[in-house]
Amino acid sequence: MDDNVIDEILKQYPIRVTSISFIRHNENMTYKVTDEAAGITYLLRIHKAITSSMSGLQHTCEGLDAEMAFLQTLHESKDAVVLTQTPVRNNSGDWVTCKTVDGEVVHSTLLQWINGRDLQQDESLSRHQITHFGEQVGSLHQFAKSTSMSLNKVRPAYAGITQNELMLKRLKHGVSMGIFSEIDYAALNRFFEVFNASLETYPQTANCWGIIHADINKGNLLLTPNGIALIDFCLFGYGYYLYDVAGSVLSLKPEERDYFLAGYLGHTAALSAQDMKRLEGFMMVAILGYYAFHLENEDRHSWMRERMPLFCQKYCLPFVGNQSIFYTF
């Protein structure tokens, strides 16, 4: 993004910018912005995805406004102690700043920076940290159950039967693209048949379905002096709470997962054997979502072509055969 455009966007906020540094371009273009006089650092997000396939409801003005409003309500809650970013209003009092660039309206948002560091993929956490991580996700879900905020038609939904069927259709394109074999697809199809059948008896009621983060992984966790913070609610929307739990445990080593569940279940009832099976299914869906998301990314094709047969053998077939796979990922 042109530096002049970034300057014009930041002029819409009540801050005195002293430095700007580019972070990355993925679902959004992100920048670290510092106001040295106030001693405050911010995260600027310009909501222009690197590829069109990454765009969606989450990039609309209504969708972004809902995200920022949710974060602000979460920040103001006395009951939910969740470490996350705080949104910043612009000079007009709006959460979303709009600017026309080359004839296209671009949306931007600003968040206060959280002091902490990224977790490394191979980094080990203490039992206390993992339990705290579970408590954070549990607190987020308890808050979601208590809020009256409606996201209908402005934020995406995840991992329900309808969304799973759409994912399977997308994965089928991988066969015609030469990425997956017909044998692989047959295994995927059978997995979704079995898993969706289990969701037919898992209603989307307030106790199990609601507002979720939808993208919990180590890349969206920060280790802070106060514990593990959940960041990047860019994809948040509706879904089963177990889908968030699935993403969380996948970011941990198998032997660490029980500690997470202990922290998480401090907020809710113990998981039944049927719920554990569903959790395993959501873990599968979270991984397959990565494959579906990167179908247009040729750099990942050889990796997917190599991994998918193993995935089907190690996870799809055992899941369909009613074998536990919770500790095998």
C-alpha atoms as a PDB file:
ATOM      1  CA  MET A   1       0.000   0.000   0.000  1.00  0.00           C
ATOM      2  CA  ASP A   2       1.270   3.471  -0.907  1.00  0.00           C
ATOM      3  CA  ASP A   3       2.783   5.346   2.064  1.00  0.00           C
ATOM      4  CA  ASN A   4       0.669   8.417   1.306  1.00  0.00           C
ATOM      5  CA  VAL A   5      -2.493   6.351   1.519  1.00  0.00           C
ATOM      6  CA  ILE A   6      -1.437   4.912   4.892  1.00  0.00           C
ATOM      7  CA  ASP A   7      -0.706   8.436   6.154  1.00  0.00           C
ATOM      8  CA  GLU A   8      -4.149   9.606   5.031  1.00  0.00           C
ATOM      9  CA  ILE A   9      -5.798   6.673   6.820  1.00  0.00           C
ATOM     10  CA  LEU A  10      -3.928   7.310  10.076  1.00  0.00           C
ATOM     11  CA  LYS A  11      -4.862  11.011   9.986  1.00  0.00           C
ATOM     12  CA  GLN A  12      -8.422   9.829  10.615  1.00  0.00           C
ATOM     13  CA  TYR A  13      -7.427   8.715  14.132  1.00  0.00           C
ATOM     14  CA  PRO A  14      -6.638  10.762  17.293  1.00  0.00           C
ATOM     15  CA  ILE A  15      -2.997   9.684  17.421  1.00  0.00           C
ATOM     16  CA  ARG A  16       0.375  11.283  16.610  1.00  0.00           C
ATOM     17  CA  VAL A  17       2.261   8.823  14.459  1.00  0.00           C
ATOM     18  CA  THR A  18       6.018   8.672  14.911  1.00  0.00           C
ATOM     19  CA  SER A  19       6.801   5.380  13.161  1.00  0.00           C
ATOM     20  CA  ILE A  20       5.131   2.841  10.879  1.00  0.00           C
ATOM     21  CA  SER A  21       6.456  -0.610  10.028  1.00  0.00           C
ATOM     22  CA  PHE A  22       4.966  -3.218   7.734  1.00  0.00           C
ATOM     23  CA  ILE A  23       4.200  -6.626   9.319  1.00  0.00           C
ATOM     24  CA  ARG A  24       2.631  -8.878   6.688  1.00  0.00           C
ATOM     25  CA  HIS A  25       0.004  -9.201   3.969  1.00  0.00           C
ATOM     26  CA  ASN A  26      -2.346 -12.151   4.259  1.00  0.00           C
ATOM     27  CA  GLU A  27      -6.062 -11.770   4.939  1.00  0.00           C
ATOM     28  CA  ASN A  28      -5.184  -8.106   5.611  1.00  0.00           C
ATOM     29  CA  MET A  29      -2.266  -5.731   5.234  1.00  0.00           C
ATOM     30  CA  THR A  30      -0.972  -5.115   8.752  1.00  0.00           C
ATOM     31  CA  TYR A  31       1.300  -2.416  10.150  1.00  0.00           C
ATOM     32  CA  LYS A  32       2.771  -1.595  13.539  1.00  0.00           C
ATOM     33  CA  VAL A  33       2.121   2.070  14.328  1.00  0.00           C
ATOM     34  CA  THR A  34       3.777   3.911  17.216  1.00  0.00           C
ATOM     35  CA  ASP A  35       2.790   7.135  18.975  1.00  0.00           C
ATOM     36  CA  GLU A  36       5.937   7.767  21.010  1.00  0.00           C
ATOM     37  CA  ALA A  37       4.590  10.912  22.665  1.00  0.00           C
ATOM     38  CA  ALA A  38       1.686   8.974  24.172  1.00  0.00           C
ATOM     39  CA  GLY A  39       3.739   5.818  24.653  1.00  0.00           C
ATOM     40  CA  ILE A  40       1.138   3.743  22.796  1.00  0.00           C
ATOM     41  CA  THR A  41       1.557   1.291  19.934  1.00  0.00           C
ATOM     42  CA  TYR A  42      -1.208   0.219  17.572  1.00  0.00           C
ATOM     43  CA  LEU A  43      -1.968  -2.385  14.956  1.00  0.00           C
ATOM     44  CA  LEU A  44      -3.306  -0.947  11.705  1.00  0.00           C
ATOM     45  CA  ARG A  45      -5.200  -3.391   9.502  1.00  0.00           C
ATOM     46  CA  ILE A  46      -6.016  -2.483   5.915  1.00  0.00           C
ATOM     47  CA  HIS A  47      -8.602  -5.039   4.892  1.00  0.00           C
ATOM     48  CA  LYS A  48      -7.423  -5.938   1.430  1.00  0.00           C
ATOM     49  CA  ALA A  49      -6.727  -9.679   1.120  1.00  0.00           C
ATOM     50  CA  ILE A  50      -3.674 -10.857  -0.779  1.00  0.00           C
ATOM     51  CA  THR A  51      -5.930 -13.023  -3.002  1.00  0.00           C
ATOM     52  CA  SER A  52      -9.632 -12.705  -3.814  1.00  0.00           C
ATOM     53  CA  SER A  53     -10.287 -16.195  -2.396  1.00  0.00           C
ATOM     54  CA  MET A  54      -9.448 -14.835   1.079  1.00  0.00           C
ATOM     55  CA  SER A  55     -12.121 -12.129   0.936  1.00  0.00           C
ATOM     56  CA  GLY A  56     -15.561 -12.580   2.421  1.00  0.00           C
ATOM     57  CA  LEU A  57     -18.128 -11.193   4.821  1.00  0.00           C
ATOM     58  CA  GLN A  58     -15.323 -10.436   7.257  1.00  0.00           C
ATOM     59  CA  HIS A  59     -14.002  -7.738   4.894  1.00  0.00           C
ATOM     60  CA  THR A  60     -17.269  -5.808   4.513  1.00  0.00           C
ATOM     61  CA  CYS A  61     -17.881  -2.633   6.468  1.00  0.00           C
ATOM     62  CA  GLU A  62     -20.757  -4.306   8.354  1.00  0.00           C
ATOM     63  CA  GLY A  63     -18.653  -7.357   9.144  1.00  0.00           C
ATOM     64  CA  LEU A  64     -15.710  -5.311  10.396  1.00  0.00           C
ATOM     65  CA  ASP A  65     -17.968  -3.090  12.473  1.00  0.00           C
ATOM     66  CA  ALA A  66     -19.370  -6.213  14.139  1.00  0.00           C
ATOM     67  CA  GLU A  67     -15.862  -7.509  14.882  1.00  0.00           C
ATOM     68  CA  MET A  68     -14.756  -4.254  16.482  1.00  0.00           C
ATOM     69  CA  ALA A  69     -17.989  -3.889  18.451  1.00  0.00           C
ATOM     70  CA  PHE A  70     -17.583  -7.441  19.766  1.00  0.00           C
ATOM     71  CA  LEU A  71     -14.003  -6.764  20.888  1.00  0.00           C
ATOM     72  CA  GLN A  72     -15.042  -3.547  22.601  1.00  0.00           C
ATOM     73  CA  THR A  73     -17.931  -5.243  24.400  1.00  0.00           C
ATOM     74  CA  LEU A  74     -15.581  -8.032  25.445  1.00  0.00           C
ATOM     75  CA  HIS A  75     -13.065  -5.456  26.700  1.00  0.00           C
ATOM     76  CA  GLU A  76     -15.723  -3.684  28.763  1.00  0.00           C
ATOM     77  CA  SER A  77     -17.155  -6.852  30.286  1.00  0.00           C
ATOM     78  CA  LYS A  78     -16.531  -7.289  33.996  1.00  0.00           C
ATOM     79  CA  ASP A  79     -17.183 -11.021  33.837  1.00  0.00           C
ATOM     80  CA  ALA A  80     -15.051 -12.040  30.840  1.00  0.00           C
ATOM     81  CA  VAL A  81     -11.337 -11.884  31.594  1.00  0.00           C
ATOM     82  CA  VAL A  82     -10.009 -12.495  28.091  1.00  0.00           C
ATOM     83  CA  LEU A  83      -6.668 -11.073  27.010  1.00  0.00           C
ATOM     84  CA  THR A  84      -7.156  -9.614  23.549  1.00  0.00           C
ATOM     85  CA  GLN A  85      -6.795  -6.445  21.502  1.00  0.00           C
ATOM     86  CA  THR A  86      -8.824  -3.293  22.136  1.00  0.00           C
ATOM     87  CA  PRO A  87     -10.318  -1.453  19.147  1.00  0.00           C
ATOM     88  CA  VAL A  88      -9.841   2.270  18.526  1.00  0.00           C
ATOM     89  CA  ARG A  89     -12.486   4.600  17.087  1.00  0.00           C
ATOM     90  CA  ASN A  90     -11.563   7.120  14.399  1.00  0.00           C
ATOM     91  CA  ASN A  91     -12.130  10.874  14.658  1.00  0.00           C
ATOM     92  CA  SER A  92     -15.727  10.424  13.503  1.00  0.00           C
ATOM     93  CA  GLY A  93     -16.421   7.911  16.244  1.00  0.00           C
ATOM     94  CA  ASP A  94     -16.567   4.989  13.815  1.00  0.00           C
ATOM     95  CA  TRP A  95     -14.842   1.631  14.138  1.00  0.00           C
ATOM     96  CA  VAL A  96     -14.178   1.335  10.419  1.00  0.00           C
ATOM     97  CA  THR A  97     -12.373   3.909   8.285  1.00  0.00           C
ATOM     98  CA  CYS A  98     -13.185   3.926   4.564  1.00  0.00           C
ATOM     99  CA  LYS A  99     -10.991   5.406   1.848  1.00  0.00           C
ATOM    100  CA  THR A 100     -11.174   5.183  -1.937  1.00  0.00           C
ATOM    101  CA  VAL A 101      -7.936   3.927  -3.482  1.00  0.00           C
ATOM    102  CA  ASP A 102      -7.706   3.641  -7.284  1.00  0.00           C
ATOM    103  CA  GLY A 103     -11.488   3.677  -7.536  1.00  0.00           C
ATOM    104  CA  GLU A 104     -11.922   0.951  -4.878  1.00  0.00           C
ATOM    105  CA  VAL A 105     -13.239   1.500  -1.353  1.00  0.00           C
ATOM    106  CA  VAL A 106     -10.742   0.128   1.174  1.00  0.00           C
ATOM    107  CA  HIS A 107     -11.693  -0.467   4.806  1.00  0.00           C
ATOM    108  CA  SER A 108      -9.247  -0.039   7.696  1.00  0.00           C
ATOM    109  CA  THR A 109      -9.377  -0.651  11.439  1.00  0.00           C
ATOM    110  CA  LEU A 110      -7.046   0.210  14.307  1.00  0.00           C
ATOM    111  CA  LEU A 111      -6.363  -1.829  17.460  1.00  0.00           C
ATOM    112  CA  GLN A 112      -4.195  -1.192  20.489  1.00  0.00           C
ATOM    113  CA  TRP A 113      -1.048  -3.299  20.459  1.00  0.00           C
ATOM    114  CA  ILE A 114      -0.575  -6.026  23.056  1.00  0.00           C
ATOM    115  CA  ASN A 115       2.890  -6.271  24.543  1.00  0.00           C
ATOM    116  CA  GLY A 116       4.017  -9.848  24.176  1.00  0.00           C
ATOM    117  CA  ARG A 117       5.766 -12.184  21.823  1.00  0.00           C
ATOM    118  CA  ASP A 118       4.665 -14.705  19.247  1.00  0.00           C
ATOM    119  CA  LEU A 119       4.667 -18.352  20.199  1.00  0.00           C
ATOM    120  CA  GLN A 120       7.013 -20.473  18.121  1.00  0.00           C
ATOM    121  CA  GLN A 121       5.582 -23.570  16.452  1.00  0.00           C
ATOM    122  CA  ASP A 122       7.879 -25.927  18.370  1.00  0.00           C
ATOM    123  CA  GLU A 123       7.782 -23.999  21.647  1.00  0.00           C
ATOM    124  CA  SER A 124       6.856 -25.901  24.798  1.00  0.00           C
ATOM    125  CA  LEU A 125       4.496 -24.315  27.290  1.00  0.00           C
ATOM    126  CA  SER A 126       4.227 -25.011  30.986  1.00  0.00           C
ATOM    127  CA  ARG A 127       1.246 -26.872  32.398  1.00  0.00           C
ATOM    128  CA  HIS A 128       0.100 -23.633  34.020  1.00  0.00           C
ATOM    129  CA  GLN A 129       0.288 -21.737  30.707  1.00  0.00           C
ATOM    130  CA  ILE A 130      -1.677 -24.415  28.864  1.00  0.00           C
ATOM    131  CA  THR A 131      -4.353 -24.508  31.550  1.00  0.00           C
ATOM    132  CA  HIS A 132      -4.571 -20.707  31.397  1.00  0.00           C
ATOM    133  CA  PHE A 133      -4.934 -20.950  27.621  1.00  0.00           C
ATOM    134  CA  GLY A 134      -7.913 -23.266  28.140  1.00  0.00           C
ATOM    135  CA  GLU A 135      -9.387 -20.839  30.659  1.00  0.00           C
ATOM    136  CA  GLN A 136      -9.071 -17.998  28.145  1.00  0.00           C
ATOM    137  CA  VAL A 137     -10.956 -19.876  25.439  1.00  0.00           C
ATOM    138  CA  GLY A 138     -13.554 -21.009  27.973  1.00  0.00           C
ATOM    139  CA  SER A 139     -14.045 -17.446  29.198  1.00  0.00           C
ATOM    140  CA  LEU A 140     -14.457 -16.260  25.612  1.00  0.00           C
ATOM    141  CA  HIS A 141     -17.188 -18.825  25.001  1.00  0.00           C
ATOM    142  CA  GLN A 142     -18.971 -18.040  28.252  1.00  0.00           C
ATOM    143  CA  PHE A 143     -19.008 -14.388  27.256  1.00  0.00           C
ATOM    144  CA  ALA A 144     -20.326 -15.312  23.812  1.00  0.00           C
ATOM    145  CA  LYS A 145     -23.178 -17.242  25.414  1.00  0.00           C
ATOM    146  CA  SER A 146     -24.145 -14.190  27.461  1.00  0.00           C
ATOM    147  CA  THR A 147     -24.065 -11.547  24.722  1.00  0.00           C
ATOM    148  CA  SER A 148     -27.142 -10.553  22.763  1.00  0.00           C
ATOM    149  CA  MET A 149     -25.088  -9.420  19.759  1.00  0.00           C
ATOM    150  CA  SER A 150     -26.377 -10.732  16.439  1.00  0.00           C
ATOM    151  CA  LEU A 151     -23.990 -11.486  13.577  1.00  0.00           C
ATOM    152  CA  ASN A 152     -26.563 -12.783  11.129  1.00  0.00           C
ATOM    153  CA  LYS A 153     -25.589 -12.020   7.514  1.00  0.00           C
ATOM    154  CA  VAL A 154     -22.550  -9.933   8.532  1.00  0.00           C
ATOM    155  CA  ARG A 155     -20.074 -12.604   9.702  1.00  0.00           C
ATOM    156  CA  PRO A 156     -19.253 -16.102   8.389  1.00  0.00           C
ATOM    157  CA  ALA A 157     -20.437 -19.389   9.894  1.00  0.00           C
ATOM    158  CA  TYR A 158     -18.156 -22.387  10.367  1.00  0.00           C
ATOM    159  CA  ALA A 159     -18.213 -26.175  10.608  1.00  0.00           C
ATOM    160  CA  GLY A 160     -21.970 -26.706  10.543  1.00  0.00           C
ATOM    161  CA  ILE A 161     -23.448 -29.270   8.172  1.00  0.00           C
ATOM    162  CA  THR A 162     -23.993 -26.672   5.441  1.00  0.00           C
ATOM    163  CA  GLN A 163     -20.447 -25.337   5.719  1.00  0.00           C
ATOM    164  CA  ASN A 164     -18.987 -28.861   5.762  1.00  0.00           C
ATOM    165  CA  GLU A 165     -20.853 -29.770   2.603  1.00  0.00           C
ATOM    166  CA  LEU A 166     -19.495 -26.663   0.896  1.00  0.00           C
ATOM    167  CA  MET A 167     -15.971 -27.546   2.026  1.00  0.00           C
ATOM    168  CA  LEU A 168     -16.318 -31.043   0.592  1.00  0.00           C
ATOM    169  CA  LYS A 169     -17.421 -29.584  -2.744  1.00  0.00           C
ATOM    170  CA  ARG A 170     -14.387 -27.322  -2.738  1.00  0.00           C
ATOM    171  CA  LEU A 171     -12.065 -30.225  -1.929  1.00  0.00           C
ATOM    172  CA  LYS A 172     -13.538 -32.115  -4.876  1.00  0.00           C
ATOM    173  CA  HIS A 173     -12.007 -29.486  -7.148  1.00  0.00           C
ATOM    174  CA  GLY A 174      -8.653 -30.731  -5.885  1.00  0.00           C
ATOM    175  CA  VAL A 175      -9.301 -33.988  -7.756  1.00  0.00           C
ATOM    176  CA  SER A 176      -9.813 -32.254 -11.102  1.00  0.00           C
ATOM    177  CA  MET A 177      -6.730 -30.133 -10.346  1.00  0.00           C
ATOM    178  CA  GLY A 178      -4.649 -33.285  -9.883  1.00  0.00           C
ATOM    179  CA  ILE A 179      -3.909 -32.554  -6.233  1.00  0.00           C
ATOM    180  CA  PHE A 180      -6.036 -35.310  -4.673  1.00  0.00           C
ATOM    181  CA  SER A 181      -6.818 -38.785  -5.972  1.00  0.00           C
ATOM    182  CA  GLU A 182     -10.284 -40.299  -6.333  1.00  0.00           C
ATOM    183  CA  ILE A 183      -9.368 -42.671  -3.494  1.00  0.00           C
ATOM    184  CA  ASP A 184      -8.511 -39.707  -1.257  1.00  0.00           C
ATOM    185  CA  TYR A 185     -11.765 -37.990  -2.121  1.00  0.00           C
ATOM    186  CA  ALA A 186     -13.787 -41.121  -1.378  1.00  0.00           C
ATOM    187  CA  ALA A 187     -12.226 -41.220   2.102  1.00  0.00           C
ATOM    188  CA  LEU A 188     -12.993 -37.522   2.631  1.00  0.00           C
ATOM    189  CA  ASN A 189     -16.546 -37.990   1.442  1.00  0.00           C
ATOM    190  CA  ARG A 190     -17.085 -40.870   3.864  1.00  0.00           C
ATOM    191  CA  PHE A 191     -15.628 -38.845   6.736  1.00  0.00           C
ATOM    192  CA  PHE A 192     -18.007 -35.945   6.098  1.00  0.00           C
ATOM    193  CA  GLU A 193     -20.961 -38.325   5.816  1.00  0.00           C
ATOM    194  CA  VAL A 194     -20.223 -39.816   9.226  1.00  0.00           C
ATOM    195  CA  PHE A 195     -19.370 -36.501  10.883  1.00  0.00           C
ATOM    196  CA  ASN A 196     -22.352 -34.600   9.501  1.00  0.00           C
ATOM    197  CA  ALA A 197     -24.620 -37.425  10.643  1.00  0.00           C
ATOM    198  CA  SER A 198     -23.349 -36.848  14.185  1.00  0.00           C
ATOM    199  CA  LEU A 199     -24.068 -33.112  13.857  1.00  0.00           C
ATOM    200  CA  GLU A 200     -27.695 -33.828  12.977  1.00  0.00           C
ATOM    201  CA  THR A 201     -28.178 -34.734  16.635  1.00  0.00           C
ATOM    202  CA  TYR A 202     -26.058 -31.800  17.834  1.00  0.00           C
ATOM    203  CA  PRO A 203     -28.429 -28.832  17.539  1.00  0.00           C
ATOM    204  CA  GLN A 204     -27.194 -25.288  17.098  1.00  0.00           C
ATOM    205  CA  THR A 205     -28.435 -24.185  20.505  1.00  0.00           C
ATOM    206  CA  ALA A 206     -26.900 -21.559  22.787  1.00  0.00           C
ATOM    207  CA  ASN A 207     -25.032 -24.169  24.818  1.00  0.00           C
ATOM    208  CA  CYS A 208     -22.947 -25.459  21.915  1.00  0.00           C
ATOM    209  CA  TRP A 209     -23.230 -22.941  19.050  1.00  0.00           C
ATOM    210  CA  GLY A 210     -22.528 -19.221  19.055  1.00  0.00           C
ATOM    211  CA  ILE A 211     -19.875 -16.575  18.461  1.00  0.00           C
ATOM    212  CA  ILE A 212     -16.411 -18.105  18.110  1.00  0.00           C
ATOM    213  CA  HIS A 213     -12.892 -16.921  17.279  1.00  0.00           C
ATOM    214  CA  ALA A 214     -12.734 -19.464  14.402  1.00  0.00           C
ATOM    215  CA  ASP A 215      -8.967 -19.272  13.855  1.00  0.00           C
ATOM    216  CA  ILE A 216      -7.221 -20.269  17.076  1.00  0.00           C
ATOM    217  CA  ASN A 217      -3.721 -21.481  16.315  1.00  0.00           C
ATOM    218  CA  LYS A 218      -0.225 -20.668  17.570  1.00  0.00           C
ATOM    219  CA  GLY A 219       0.059 -17.851  15.034  1.00  0.00           C
ATOM    220  CA  ASN A 220      -2.834 -16.092  16.762  1.00  0.00           C
ATOM    221  CA  LEU A 221      -1.552 -16.456  20.317  1.00  0.00           C
ATOM    222  CA  LEU A 222       0.728 -14.096  22.193  1.00  0.00           C
ATOM    223  CA  LEU A 223       2.687 -14.867  25.335  1.00  0.00           C
ATOM    224  CA  THR A 224       2.292 -11.810  27.575  1.00  0.00           C
ATOM    225  CA  PRO A 225       3.283 -11.017  31.178  1.00  0.00           C
ATOM    226  CA  ASN A 226      -0.362 -11.676  32.098  1.00  0.00           C
ATOM    227  CA  GLY A 227      -0.732 -14.948  30.252  1.00  0.00           C
ATOM    228  CA  ILE A 228      -1.677 -16.122  26.766  1.00  0.00           C
ATOM    229  CA  ALA A 229      -3.629 -13.593  24.713  1.00  0.00           C
ATOM    230  CA  LEU A 230      -6.017 -14.454  21.874  1.00  0.00           C
ATOM    231  CA  ILE A 231      -5.460 -12.124  18.931  1.00  0.00           C
ATOM    232  CA  ASP A 232      -6.609 -11.717  15.333  1.00  0.00           C
ATOM    233  CA  PHE A 233     -10.400 -12.066  15.368  1.00  0.00           C
ATOM    234  CA  CYS A 234     -10.366 -11.402  11.619  1.00  0.00           C
ATOM    235  CA  LEU A 235     -12.318 -14.596  10.853  1.00  0.00           C
ATOM    236  CA  PHE A 236     -14.603 -14.635  13.880  1.00  0.00           C
ATOM    237  CA  GLY A 237     -18.222 -15.562  13.354  1.00  0.00           C
ATOM    238  CA  TYR A 238     -20.718 -18.279  14.238  1.00  0.00           C
ATOM    239  CA  GLY A 239     -19.872 -21.895  14.877  1.00  0.00           C
ATOM    240  CA  TYR A 240     -19.810 -24.747  17.354  1.00  0.00           C
ATOM    241  CA  TYR A 241     -17.710 -23.896  20.388  1.00  0.00           C
ATOM    242  CA  LEU A 242     -15.962 -27.236  19.946  1.00  0.00           C
ATOM    243  CA  TYR A 243     -14.566 -25.932  16.655  1.00  0.00           C
ATOM    244  CA  ASP A 244     -12.544 -23.353  18.635  1.00  0.00           C
ATOM    245  CA  VAL A 245     -11.501 -26.087  21.067  1.00  0.00           C
ATOM    246  CA  ALA A 246     -10.349 -28.188  18.110  1.00  0.00           C
ATOM    247  CA  GLY A 247      -8.117 -25.416  16.774  1.00  0.00           C
ATOM    248  CA  SER A 248      -6.729 -24.865  20.264  1.00  0.00           C
ATOM    249  CA  VAL A 249      -5.750 -28.464  20.974  1.00  0.00           C
ATOM    250  CA  LEU A 250      -4.260 -28.848  17.493  1.00  0.00           C
ATOM    251  CA  SER A 251      -1.810 -26.101  18.424  1.00  0.00           C
ATOM    252  CA  LEU A 252      -0.602 -28.217  21.356  1.00  0.00           C
ATOM    253  CA  LYS A 253       1.322 -31.439  21.661  1.00  0.00           C
ATOM    254  CA  PRO A 254      -0.845 -34.535  22.291  1.00  0.00           C
ATOM    255  CA  GLU A 255       0.438 -34.883  25.859  1.00  0.00           C
ATOM    256  CA  GLU A 256      -0.518 -31.243  26.599  1.00  0.00           C
ATOM    257  CA  ARG A 257      -4.140 -31.409  25.492  1.00  0.00           C
ATOM    258  CA  ASP A 258      -5.630 -32.709  28.726  1.00  0.00           C
ATOM    259  CA  TYR A 259      -4.243 -29.658  30.552  1.00  0.00           C
ATOM    260  CA  PHE A 260      -6.008 -27.378  28.073  1.00  0.00           C
ATOM    261  CA  LEU A 261      -9.289 -29.260  28.478  1.00  0.00           C
ATOM    262  CA  ALA A 262      -8.979 -29.009  32.267  1.00  0.00           C
ATOM    263  CA  GLY A 263      -8.746 -25.225  31.994  1.00  0.00           C
ATOM    264  CA  TYR A 264     -11.498 -24.984  29.412  1.00  0.00           C
ATOM    265  CA  LEU A 265     -13.904 -27.277  31.230  1.00  0.00           C
ATOM    266  CA  GLY A 266     -13.609 -25.149  34.333  1.00  0.00           C
ATOM    267  CA  HIS A 267     -16.241 -23.024  32.593  1.00  0.00           C
ATOM    268  CA  THR A 268     -18.574 -25.782  31.426  1.00  0.00           C
ATOM    269  CA  ALA A 269     -19.679 -29.387  31.878  1.00  0.00           C
ATOM    270  CA  ALA A 270     -17.371 -32.303  31.137  1.00  0.00           C
ATOM    271  CA  LEU A 271     -17.347 -33.591  27.578  1.00  0.00           C
ATOM    272  CA  SER A 272     -19.270 -36.785  26.950  1.00  0.00           C
ATOM    273  CA  ALA A 273     -17.795 -39.591  24.846  1.00  0.00           C
ATOM    274  CA  GLN A 274     -19.996 -38.392  21.988  1.00  0.00           C
ATOM    275  CA  ASP A 275     -18.728 -34.828  22.358  1.00  0.00           C
ATOM    276  CA  MET A 276     -15.124 -36.071  22.363  1.00  0.00           C
ATOM    277  CA  LYS A 277     -15.857 -37.835  19.085  1.00  0.00           C
ATOM    278  CA  ARG A 278     -17.314 -34.631  17.680  1.00  0.00           C
ATOM    279  CA  LEU A 279     -14.245 -32.739  18.901  1.00  0.00           C
ATOM    280  CA  GLU A 280     -12.084 -35.132  16.891  1.00  0.00           C
ATOM    281  CA  GLY A 281     -14.296 -34.435  13.878  1.00  0.00           C
ATOM    282  CA  PHE A 282     -13.856 -30.699  14.299  1.00  0.00           C
ATOM    283  CA  MET A 283     -10.087 -31.222  14.490  1.00  0.00           C
ATOM    284  CA  MET A 284     -10.341 -32.968  11.122  1.00  0.00           C
ATOM    285  CA  VAL A 285     -12.459 -30.145   9.688  1.00  0.00           C
ATOM    286  CA  ALA A 286      -9.968 -27.526  10.925  1.00  0.00           C
ATOM    287  CA  ILE A 287      -7.121 -29.293   9.127  1.00  0.00           C
ATOM    288  CA  LEU A 288      -9.141 -29.870   5.953  1.00  0.00           C
ATOM    289  CA  GLY A 289     -10.059 -26.189   5.990  1.00  0.00           C
ATOM    290  CA  TYR A 290      -6.373 -25.450   5.467  1.00  0.00           C
ATOM    291  CA  TYR A 291      -6.317 -27.689   2.394  1.00  0.00           C
ATOM    292  CA  ALA A 292      -9.487 -26.098   1.003  1.00  0.00           C
ATOM    293  CA  PHE A 293      -8.204 -22.601   1.700  1.00  0.00           C
ATOM    294  CA  HIS A 294      -4.944 -23.185  -0.210  1.00  0.00           C
ATOM    295  CA  LEU A 295      -6.315 -24.950  -3.287  1.00  0.00           C
ATOM    296  CA  GLU A 296      -5.470 -21.905  -5.405  1.00  0.00           C
ATOM    297  CA  ASN A 297      -1.993 -21.609  -3.890  1.00  0.00           C
ATOM    298  CA  GLU A 298       0.286 -23.549  -6.239  1.00  0.00           C
ATOM    299  CA  ASP A 299       3.146 -23.353  -3.766  1.00  0.00           C
ATOM    300  CA  ARG A 300       1.215 -25.715  -1.470  1.00  0.00           C
ATOM    301  CA  HIS A 301       0.077 -28.215  -4.138  1.00  0.00           C
ATOM    302  CA  SER A 302       3.033 -30.600  -3.886  1.00  0.00           C
ATOM    303  CA  TRP A 303       2.786 -30.542  -0.079  1.00  0.00           C
ATOM    304  CA  MET A 304      -0.943 -31.342  -0.198  1.00  0.00           C
ATOM    305  CA  ARG A 305      -0.477 -33.996  -2.875  1.00  0.00           C
ATOM    306  CA  GLU A 306       2.025 -35.756  -0.622  1.00  0.00           C
ATOM    307  CA  ARG A 307       0.162 -35.342   2.658  1.00  0.00           C
ATOM    308  CA  MET A 308      -3.449 -36.072   1.730  1.00  0.00           C
ATOM    309  CA  PRO A 309      -3.076 -39.875   1.273  1.00  0.00           C
ATOM    310  CA  LEU A 310      -1.426 -40.085   4.696  1.00  0.00           C
ATOM    311  CA  PHE A 311      -4.131 -37.881   6.229  1.00  0.00           C
ATOM    312  CA  CYS A 312      -6.863 -40.136   4.882  1.00  0.00           C
ATOM    313  CA  GLN A 313      -5.108 -43.282   6.086  1.00  0.00           C
ATOM    314  CA  LYS A 314      -4.179 -42.038   9.558  1.00  0.00           C
ATOM    315  CA  TYR A 315      -7.279 -40.000  10.390  1.00  0.00           C
ATOM    316  CA  CYS A 316     -10.248 -40.368   8.021  1.00  0.00           C
ATOM    317  CA  LEU A 317     -10.388 -44.154   8.056  1.00  0.00           C
ATOM    318  CA  PRO A 318      -9.877 -44.538  11.827  1.00  0.00           C
ATOM    319  CA  PHE A 319     -12.490 -41.832  12.499  1.00  0.00           C
ATOM    320  CA  VAL A 320     -15.028 -43.606  10.306  1.00  0.00           C
ATOM    321  CA  GLY A 321     -14.080 -46.850  12.057  1.00  0.00           C
ATOM    322  CA  ASN A 322     -14.901 -45.223  15.419  1.00  0.00           C
ATOM    323  CA  GLN A 323     -11.298 -45.275  16.636  1.00  0.00           C
ATOM    324  CA  SER A 324     -10.069 -42.422  18.840  1.00  0.00           C
ATOM    325  CA  ILE A 325      -7.647 -40.060  17.110  1.00  0.00           C
ATOM    326  CA  PHE A 326      -7.527 -37.240  19.681  1.00  0.00           C
ATOM    327  CA  TYR A 327      -3.917 -37.903  20.655  1.00  0.00           C
ATOM    328  CA  THR A 328      -2.629 -38.981  17.221  1.00  0.00           C
ATOM    329  CA  PHE A 329      -2.554 -35.626  15.412  1.00  0.00           C
END
